[in-house]
Amino acid sequence: MFPDFTKYIPLLQNGLDEMKNCLAHLYAEAKATREATQAQQRALAFEFGVMDAQDNPRVAPRRLTQLPVIVEAETTTRQEIDVEGLNQGRAVSRGFYANLGDTPFKVTLIGLGGQASTSHTVPPTTTISLTCLISKVIIDPSQDGPATYQVYMQ
């Protein structure tokens, strides 16, 4: 009444063994890929840092279609540059500030939470890279002359 399936049992057993081997290889590949991805994530976090804020419009990915904020001026009084406001409400995450003049001046960076960096002197013809999220740059000219500066940020 039923056909004899016993002749197919060795074929099925062989197919199951081959499938186990294939799945073991797939699992090993997936595990290696996951480990490599985690290593890359650790390296990138070490190099570029980790953002604390999530879903915050102030901390958004850079828009490559948006031009950078460029402020270039000469001043004899303290200048507070609201780069976050100039950047359409998004904190800047990279760029530089430079002393284009002949006299040194001091710079203080203001972070997202309002915390200020240490005020530091920028000698003439010096450019300093920016690698963290900031909302404001404060320029304090020295008594020796005006501060001629450029701020370029994205």
N, C-alpha and C. Protein backbone atom coordinates (compact mmCIF):
# COMPACT_ATOMS: atom_id res chain seq x y z
N MET A 1 0.81 -1.18 0.00
CA MET A 1 0.00 0.00 0.00
C MET A 1 0.87 1.27 0.00
N PHE A 2 1.92 1.30 0.87
CA PHE A 2 2.84 2.43 0.86
C PHE A 2 4.12 2.02 0.17
N PRO A 3 4.72 2.95 -0.62
CA PRO A 3 5.98 2.59 -1.26
C PRO A 3 7.09 2.46 -0.21
N ASP A 4 8.13 1.77 -0.56
CA ASP A 4 9.24 1.54 0.37
C ASP A 4 10.17 2.77 0.39
N PHE A 5 10.10 3.51 1.50
CA PHE A 5 10.92 4.72 1.65
C PHE A 5 12.27 4.44 2.30
N THR A 6 12.52 3.23 2.68
CA THR A 6 13.77 2.92 3.38
C THR A 6 14.99 3.19 2.51
N LYS A 7 14.84 3.10 1.20
CA LYS A 7 15.99 3.36 0.33
C LYS A 7 16.38 4.86 0.34
N TYR A 8 15.45 5.73 0.78
CA TYR A 8 15.73 7.17 0.83
C TYR A 8 16.33 7.63 2.16
N ILE A 9 16.28 6.79 3.15
CA ILE A 9 16.78 7.18 4.48
C ILE A 9 18.27 7.53 4.44
N PRO A 10 19.14 6.76 3.81
CA PRO A 10 20.55 7.16 3.75
C PRO A 10 20.74 8.51 3.04
N LEU A 11 19.97 8.75 1.99
CA LEU A 11 20.07 10.03 1.28
C LEU A 11 19.64 11.18 2.19
N LEU A 12 18.56 10.99 2.92
CA LEU A 12 18.10 12.03 3.84
C LEU A 12 19.12 12.27 4.94
N GLN A 13 19.68 11.18 5.48
CA GLN A 13 20.68 11.33 6.54
C GLN A 13 21.91 12.07 6.01
N ASN A 14 22.35 11.75 4.82
CA ASN A 14 23.49 12.42 4.21
C ASN A 14 23.17 13.90 3.98
N GLY A 15 21.95 14.21 3.50
CA GLY A 15 21.53 15.59 3.29
C GLY A 15 21.49 16.37 4.60
N LEU A 16 21.02 15.74 5.67
CA LEU A 16 21.00 16.41 6.98
C LEU A 16 22.41 16.71 7.47
N ASP A 17 23.33 15.78 7.27
CA ASP A 17 24.72 16.00 7.68
C ASP A 17 25.35 17.16 6.89
N GLU A 18 25.07 17.20 5.58
CA GLU A 18 25.59 18.28 4.76
C GLU A 18 24.98 19.62 5.19
N MET A 19 23.70 19.61 5.54
CA MET A 19 23.04 20.84 5.99
C MET A 19 23.62 21.30 7.31
N LYS A 20 23.93 20.39 8.22
CA LYS A 20 24.56 20.75 9.50
C LYS A 20 25.92 21.41 9.25
N ASN A 21 26.70 20.83 8.34
CA ASN A 21 28.01 21.41 8.01
C ASN A 21 27.86 22.81 7.41
N CYS A 22 26.90 22.95 6.51
CA CYS A 22 26.66 24.24 5.88
C CYS A 22 26.23 25.27 6.92
N LEU A 23 25.34 24.91 7.81
CA LEU A 23 24.89 25.83 8.85
C LEU A 23 26.01 26.18 9.81
N ALA A 24 26.89 25.23 10.09
CA ALA A 24 28.03 25.52 10.96
C ALA A 24 28.95 26.56 10.30
N HIS A 25 29.16 26.42 8.99
CA HIS A 25 29.98 27.40 8.27
C HIS A 25 29.30 28.77 8.26
N LEU A 26 27.99 28.78 8.02
CA LEU A 26 27.25 30.04 8.03
C LEU A 26 27.31 30.71 9.40
N TYR A 27 27.18 29.91 10.46
CA TYR A 27 27.25 30.45 11.82
C TYR A 27 28.64 31.05 12.08
N ALA A 28 29.69 30.32 11.64
CA ALA A 28 31.05 30.82 11.85
C ALA A 28 31.27 32.12 11.09
N GLU A 29 30.75 32.21 9.86
CA GLU A 29 30.88 33.45 9.08
C GLU A 29 30.13 34.60 9.75
N ALA A 30 28.92 34.34 10.22
CA ALA A 30 28.13 35.38 10.88
C ALA A 30 28.82 35.84 12.17
N LYS A 31 29.38 34.91 12.92
CA LYS A 31 30.07 35.25 14.15
C LYS A 31 31.32 36.10 13.86
N ALA A 32 32.07 35.71 12.83
CA ALA A 32 33.27 36.47 12.47
C ALA A 32 32.90 37.87 12.00
N THR A 33 31.82 37.98 11.24
CA THR A 33 31.37 39.29 10.77
C THR A 33 30.94 40.16 11.94
N ARG A 34 30.22 39.58 12.89
CA ARG A 34 29.79 40.33 14.07
C ARG A 34 30.99 40.80 14.88
N GLU A 35 31.98 39.95 15.07
CA GLU A 35 33.17 40.32 15.83
C GLU A 35 33.96 41.42 15.12
N ALA A 36 34.05 41.34 13.79
CA ALA A 36 34.76 42.38 13.03
C ALA A 36 34.02 43.71 13.13
N THR A 37 32.71 43.65 13.05
CA THR A 37 31.90 44.87 13.16
C THR A 37 32.04 45.50 14.54
N GLN A 38 32.04 44.68 15.57
CA GLN A 38 32.22 45.20 16.93
C GLN A 38 33.60 45.82 17.10
N ALA A 39 34.61 45.22 16.50
CA ALA A 39 35.97 45.79 16.58
C ALA A 39 36.02 47.14 15.87
N GLN A 40 35.37 47.24 14.70
CA GLN A 40 35.32 48.53 14.00
C GLN A 40 34.56 49.57 14.82
N GLN A 41 33.47 49.15 15.45
CA GLN A 41 32.69 50.08 16.27
C GLN A 41 33.53 50.60 17.44
N ARG A 42 34.30 49.72 18.07
CA ARG A 42 35.17 50.16 19.17
C ARG A 42 36.23 51.14 18.67
N ALA A 43 36.83 50.84 17.52
CA ALA A 43 37.87 51.72 16.96
C ALA A 43 37.29 53.09 16.60
N LEU A 44 36.12 53.11 15.98
CA LEU A 44 35.50 54.38 15.62
C LEU A 44 35.08 55.17 16.86
N ALA A 45 34.57 54.49 17.87
CA ALA A 45 34.19 55.17 19.11
C ALA A 45 35.42 55.76 19.79
N PHE A 46 36.53 55.04 19.75
CA PHE A 46 37.76 55.53 20.35
C PHE A 46 38.28 56.76 19.60
N GLU A 47 38.24 56.69 18.26
CA GLU A 47 38.77 57.78 17.44
C GLU A 47 37.86 59.01 17.43
N PHE A 48 36.55 58.79 17.27
CA PHE A 48 35.63 59.91 17.07
C PHE A 48 34.72 60.18 18.26
N GLY A 49 34.76 59.32 19.27
CA GLY A 49 33.92 59.52 20.44
C GLY A 49 32.54 58.93 20.27
N VAL A 50 31.78 59.00 21.33
CA VAL A 50 30.42 58.48 21.36
C VAL A 50 29.50 59.61 21.76
N MET A 51 28.41 59.77 21.05
CA MET A 51 27.46 60.83 21.39
C MET A 51 26.57 60.38 22.54
N ASP A 52 26.37 61.29 23.50
CA ASP A 52 25.50 61.00 24.63
C ASP A 52 24.04 61.24 24.29
N ALA A 53 23.78 62.26 23.50
CA ALA A 53 22.41 62.66 23.20
C ALA A 53 21.85 61.84 22.04
N GLN A 54 20.62 61.41 22.20
CA GLN A 54 19.93 60.69 21.13
C GLN A 54 18.67 61.45 20.76
N ASP A 55 18.30 61.43 19.50
CA ASP A 55 17.09 62.09 19.01
C ASP A 55 17.04 63.56 19.43
N ASN A 56 18.16 64.22 19.37
CA ASN A 56 18.23 65.63 19.73
C ASN A 56 18.54 66.40 18.45
N PRO A 57 17.68 67.35 18.05
CA PRO A 57 17.94 68.06 16.81
C PRO A 57 19.24 68.87 16.83
N ARG A 58 19.73 69.20 18.03
CA ARG A 58 21.01 69.92 18.12
C ARG A 58 22.17 69.01 17.76
N VAL A 59 21.99 67.71 17.95
CA VAL A 59 23.05 66.74 17.67
C VAL A 59 22.54 65.86 16.53
N ALA A 60 22.71 66.34 15.32
CA ALA A 60 22.22 65.63 14.14
C ALA A 60 23.38 65.39 13.19
N PRO A 61 23.26 64.38 12.35
CA PRO A 61 24.32 64.15 11.36
C PRO A 61 24.51 65.37 10.48
N ARG A 62 25.75 65.56 10.04
CA ARG A 62 26.02 66.69 9.15
C ARG A 62 25.27 66.50 7.84
N ARG A 63 24.75 67.58 7.33
CA ARG A 63 24.11 67.57 6.02
C ARG A 63 25.16 68.01 5.00
N LEU A 64 25.52 67.11 4.12
CA LEU A 64 26.58 67.43 3.16
C LEU A 64 26.15 68.51 2.17
N THR A 65 24.85 68.76 2.05
CA THR A 65 24.37 69.81 1.15
C THR A 65 24.39 71.18 1.81
N GLN A 66 24.61 71.21 3.12
CA GLN A 66 24.65 72.48 3.85
C GLN A 66 26.08 73.03 3.86
N LEU A 67 26.20 74.28 3.49
CA LEU A 67 27.52 74.90 3.47
C LEU A 67 28.03 75.11 4.90
N PRO A 68 29.34 75.16 5.09
CA PRO A 68 29.88 75.36 6.44
C PRO A 68 29.62 76.77 6.94
N VAL A 69 29.72 76.92 8.26
CA VAL A 69 29.65 78.24 8.89
C VAL A 69 31.04 78.84 8.79
N ILE A 70 31.15 80.02 8.17
CA ILE A 70 32.44 80.70 8.05
C ILE A 70 32.25 82.11 8.59
N VAL A 71 33.00 82.41 9.63
CA VAL A 71 32.97 83.76 10.21
C VAL A 71 34.40 84.27 10.18
N GLU A 72 34.59 85.42 9.55
CA GLU A 72 35.92 86.01 9.47
C GLU A 72 35.77 87.48 9.82
N ALA A 73 36.52 87.91 10.85
CA ALA A 73 36.36 89.29 11.30
C ALA A 73 37.61 89.76 12.04
N GLU A 74 37.62 91.05 12.30
CA GLU A 74 38.65 91.67 13.14
C GLU A 74 37.92 92.42 14.24
N THR A 75 38.37 92.27 15.47
CA THR A 75 37.67 92.90 16.58
C THR A 75 38.65 93.37 17.65
N THR A 76 38.25 94.41 18.35
CA THR A 76 39.02 94.89 19.50
C THR A 76 38.26 94.65 20.79
N THR A 77 37.06 94.08 20.68
CA THR A 77 36.26 93.76 21.86
C THR A 77 35.91 92.27 21.86
N ARG A 78 35.51 91.81 22.99
CA ARG A 78 35.13 90.40 23.13
C ARG A 78 33.98 90.05 22.18
N GLN A 79 34.14 88.96 21.46
CA GLN A 79 33.11 88.49 20.52
C GLN A 79 32.63 87.11 20.93
N GLU A 80 31.33 86.94 21.02
CA GLU A 80 30.73 85.64 21.32
C GLU A 80 30.01 85.18 20.05
N ILE A 81 30.56 84.17 19.39
CA ILE A 81 30.01 83.70 18.12
C ILE A 81 29.11 82.50 18.39
N ASP A 82 27.82 82.66 18.11
CA ASP A 82 26.84 81.60 18.31
C ASP A 82 26.84 80.70 17.06
N VAL A 83 27.79 79.77 17.00
CA VAL A 83 27.91 78.93 15.81
C VAL A 83 26.72 77.98 15.68
N GLU A 84 26.12 77.61 16.79
CA GLU A 84 24.93 76.75 16.72
C GLU A 84 23.78 77.49 16.04
N GLY A 85 23.58 78.74 16.40
CA GLY A 85 22.54 79.55 15.75
C GLY A 85 22.84 79.76 14.27
N LEU A 86 24.11 80.03 13.95
CA LEU A 86 24.50 80.23 12.56
C LEU A 86 24.37 78.94 11.74
N ASN A 87 24.41 77.80 12.42
CA ASN A 87 24.34 76.49 11.77
C ASN A 87 22.91 75.94 11.81
N GLN A 88 21.93 76.82 11.80
CA GLN A 88 20.51 76.45 11.74
C GLN A 88 20.09 75.59 12.93
N GLY A 89 20.58 75.93 14.12
CA GLY A 89 20.17 75.24 15.34
C GLY A 89 20.86 73.92 15.60
N ARG A 90 21.84 73.58 14.81
CA ARG A 90 22.57 72.32 14.99
C ARG A 90 23.97 72.64 15.48
N ALA A 91 24.38 71.97 16.55
CA ALA A 91 25.72 72.18 17.08
C ALA A 91 26.75 71.74 16.05
N VAL A 92 27.86 72.47 15.98
CA VAL A 92 28.91 72.10 15.04
C VAL A 92 29.77 71.00 15.65
N SER A 93 30.27 70.13 14.80
CA SER A 93 31.03 68.99 15.31
C SER A 93 32.45 68.92 14.77
N ARG A 94 32.75 69.77 13.81
CA ARG A 94 34.11 69.76 13.27
C ARG A 94 34.40 71.07 12.58
N GLY A 95 35.66 71.33 12.37
CA GLY A 95 36.08 72.56 11.73
C GLY A 95 37.38 73.05 12.34
N PHE A 96 37.58 74.39 12.29
CA PHE A 96 38.78 74.97 12.87
C PHE A 96 38.54 76.43 13.17
N TYR A 97 39.43 77.00 13.97
CA TYR A 97 39.48 78.44 14.15
C TYR A 97 40.94 78.84 14.01
N ALA A 98 41.15 80.04 13.46
CA ALA A 98 42.51 80.45 13.10
C ALA A 98 42.74 81.91 13.45
N ASN A 99 43.99 82.22 13.77
CA ASN A 99 44.42 83.59 13.99
C ASN A 99 45.05 84.08 12.68
N LEU A 100 44.36 84.99 12.01
CA LEU A 100 44.84 85.51 10.73
C LEU A 100 45.66 86.78 10.89
N GLY A 101 45.74 87.29 12.12
CA GLY A 101 46.41 88.57 12.36
C GLY A 101 47.82 88.43 12.89
N ASP A 102 48.32 89.56 13.43
CA ASP A 102 49.69 89.62 13.94
C ASP A 102 49.76 89.61 15.46
N THR A 103 48.61 89.60 16.13
CA THR A 103 48.61 89.61 17.59
C THR A 103 47.86 88.39 18.12
N PRO A 104 48.33 87.84 19.22
CA PRO A 104 47.63 86.68 19.79
C PRO A 104 46.28 87.10 20.40
N PHE A 105 45.39 86.13 20.53
CA PHE A 105 44.13 86.36 21.24
C PHE A 105 43.74 85.08 21.96
N LYS A 106 42.78 85.18 22.85
CA LYS A 106 42.33 84.01 23.62
C LYS A 106 41.01 83.51 23.04
N VAL A 107 40.81 82.19 23.13
CA VAL A 107 39.59 81.55 22.68
C VAL A 107 39.05 80.68 23.80
N THR A 108 37.74 80.73 23.98
CA THR A 108 37.04 79.84 24.90
C THR A 108 35.92 79.17 24.11
N LEU A 109 35.84 77.86 24.20
CA LEU A 109 34.79 77.11 23.52
C LEU A 109 33.68 76.80 24.52
N ILE A 110 32.44 76.87 24.06
CA ILE A 110 31.29 76.56 24.91
C ILE A 110 30.62 75.32 24.34
N GLY A 111 30.46 74.30 25.19
CA GLY A 111 29.85 73.04 24.76
C GLY A 111 28.33 73.10 24.77
N LEU A 112 27.71 71.97 24.47
CA LEU A 112 26.25 71.91 24.37
C LEU A 112 25.55 72.20 25.68
N GLY A 113 26.12 71.79 26.77
CA GLY A 113 25.50 72.01 28.07
C GLY A 113 25.86 73.34 28.69
N GLY A 114 26.57 74.19 27.95
CA GLY A 114 26.98 75.48 28.47
C GLY A 114 28.33 75.45 29.17
N GLN A 115 28.95 74.28 29.26
CA GLN A 115 30.25 74.19 29.90
C GLN A 115 31.31 74.83 29.02
N ALA A 116 32.23 75.53 29.66
CA ALA A 116 33.27 76.26 28.93
C ALA A 116 34.60 75.52 29.01
N SER A 117 35.35 75.59 27.91
CA SER A 117 36.70 75.03 27.91
C SER A 117 37.61 76.01 28.64
N THR A 118 38.83 75.60 28.85
CA THR A 118 39.84 76.50 29.38
C THR A 118 40.14 77.54 28.32
N SER A 119 40.22 78.78 28.72
CA SER A 119 40.57 79.85 27.80
C SER A 119 42.03 79.65 27.39
N HIS A 120 42.30 79.66 26.11
CA HIS A 120 43.66 79.40 25.65
C HIS A 120 44.07 80.43 24.59
N THR A 121 45.37 80.67 24.53
CA THR A 121 45.92 81.67 23.62
C THR A 121 46.14 81.05 22.24
N VAL A 122 45.75 81.80 21.22
CA VAL A 122 45.98 81.39 19.84
C VAL A 122 47.02 82.35 19.25
N PRO A 123 48.26 81.90 19.08
CA PRO A 123 49.31 82.78 18.53
C PRO A 123 49.01 83.14 17.07
N PRO A 124 49.66 84.19 16.56
CA PRO A 124 49.47 84.57 15.16
C PRO A 124 49.80 83.40 14.23
N THR A 125 49.09 83.34 13.12
CA THR A 125 49.24 82.32 12.07
C THR A 125 49.02 80.89 12.58
N THR A 126 48.18 80.73 13.58
CA THR A 126 47.92 79.41 14.14
C THR A 126 46.49 78.99 13.80
N THR A 127 46.33 77.73 13.42
CA THR A 127 45.02 77.15 13.16
C THR A 127 44.84 75.98 14.11
N ILE A 128 43.68 75.90 14.75
CA ILE A 128 43.40 74.82 15.69
C ILE A 128 42.15 74.07 15.22
N SER A 129 42.28 72.77 15.08
CA SER A 129 41.15 71.94 14.64
C SER A 129 40.16 71.75 15.77
N LEU A 130 38.93 71.60 15.36
CA LEU A 130 37.85 71.37 16.31
C LEU A 130 37.29 69.97 16.08
N THR A 131 37.20 69.17 17.13
CA THR A 131 36.77 67.78 16.97
C THR A 131 35.69 67.38 17.95
N CYS A 132 34.99 68.35 18.53
CA CYS A 132 33.93 68.03 19.48
C CYS A 132 32.72 68.91 19.19
N LEU A 133 31.60 68.60 19.82
CA LEU A 133 30.38 69.39 19.63
C LEU A 133 30.45 70.67 20.44
N ILE A 134 30.27 71.80 19.77
CA ILE A 134 30.25 73.08 20.48
C ILE A 134 29.08 73.92 20.00
N SER A 135 28.71 74.89 20.82
CA SER A 135 27.62 75.78 20.44
C SER A 135 28.09 77.23 20.27
N LYS A 136 29.18 77.61 20.96
CA LYS A 136 29.67 78.99 20.85
C LYS A 136 31.19 79.03 20.89
N VAL A 137 31.74 80.08 20.29
CA VAL A 137 33.18 80.36 20.34
C VAL A 137 33.31 81.79 20.85
N ILE A 138 34.12 81.98 21.88
CA ILE A 138 34.34 83.32 22.43
C ILE A 138 35.77 83.74 22.10
N ILE A 139 35.89 84.91 21.46
CA ILE A 139 37.18 85.49 21.07
C ILE A 139 37.45 86.67 21.99
N ASP A 140 38.59 86.64 22.70
CA ASP A 140 39.02 87.75 23.56
C ASP A 140 40.32 88.33 23.02
N PRO A 141 40.27 89.53 22.42
CA PRO A 141 41.50 90.14 21.90
C PRO A 141 42.46 90.49 23.04
N SER A 142 43.73 90.55 22.71
CA SER A 142 44.72 90.95 23.71
C SER A 142 44.85 92.48 23.70
N GLN A 143 45.63 93.00 24.63
CA GLN A 143 45.85 94.44 24.69
C GLN A 143 46.84 94.90 23.62
N ASP A 144 47.50 93.95 22.97
CA ASP A 144 48.51 94.29 21.95
C ASP A 144 47.90 94.74 20.63
N GLY A 145 46.62 94.44 20.41
CA GLY A 145 46.01 94.83 19.14
C GLY A 145 44.75 94.04 18.87
N PRO A 146 44.14 94.26 17.73
CA PRO A 146 42.88 93.58 17.41
C PRO A 146 43.08 92.09 17.14
N ALA A 147 42.01 91.34 17.33
CA ALA A 147 42.02 89.92 17.00
C ALA A 147 41.45 89.77 15.59
N THR A 148 42.24 89.21 14.70
CA THR A 148 41.78 88.91 13.35
C THR A 148 41.65 87.39 13.29
N TYR A 149 40.42 86.94 13.12
CA TYR A 149 40.17 85.49 13.25
C TYR A 149 39.29 84.99 12.13
N GLN A 150 39.34 83.67 11.98
CA GLN A 150 38.43 82.96 11.09
C GLN A 150 37.92 81.72 11.80
N VAL A 151 36.63 81.49 11.74
CA VAL A 151 36.00 80.29 12.29
C VAL A 151 35.33 79.58 11.11
N TYR A 152 35.68 78.32 10.92
CA TYR A 152 35.13 77.51 9.84
C TYR A 152 34.61 76.23 10.46
N MET A 153 33.30 76.03 10.44
CA MET A 153 32.75 74.88 11.16
C MET A 153 31.59 74.24 10.42
N GLN A 154 31.44 72.93 10.62
CA GLN A 154 30.35 72.16 10.04
C GLN A 154 29.59 71.45 11.14
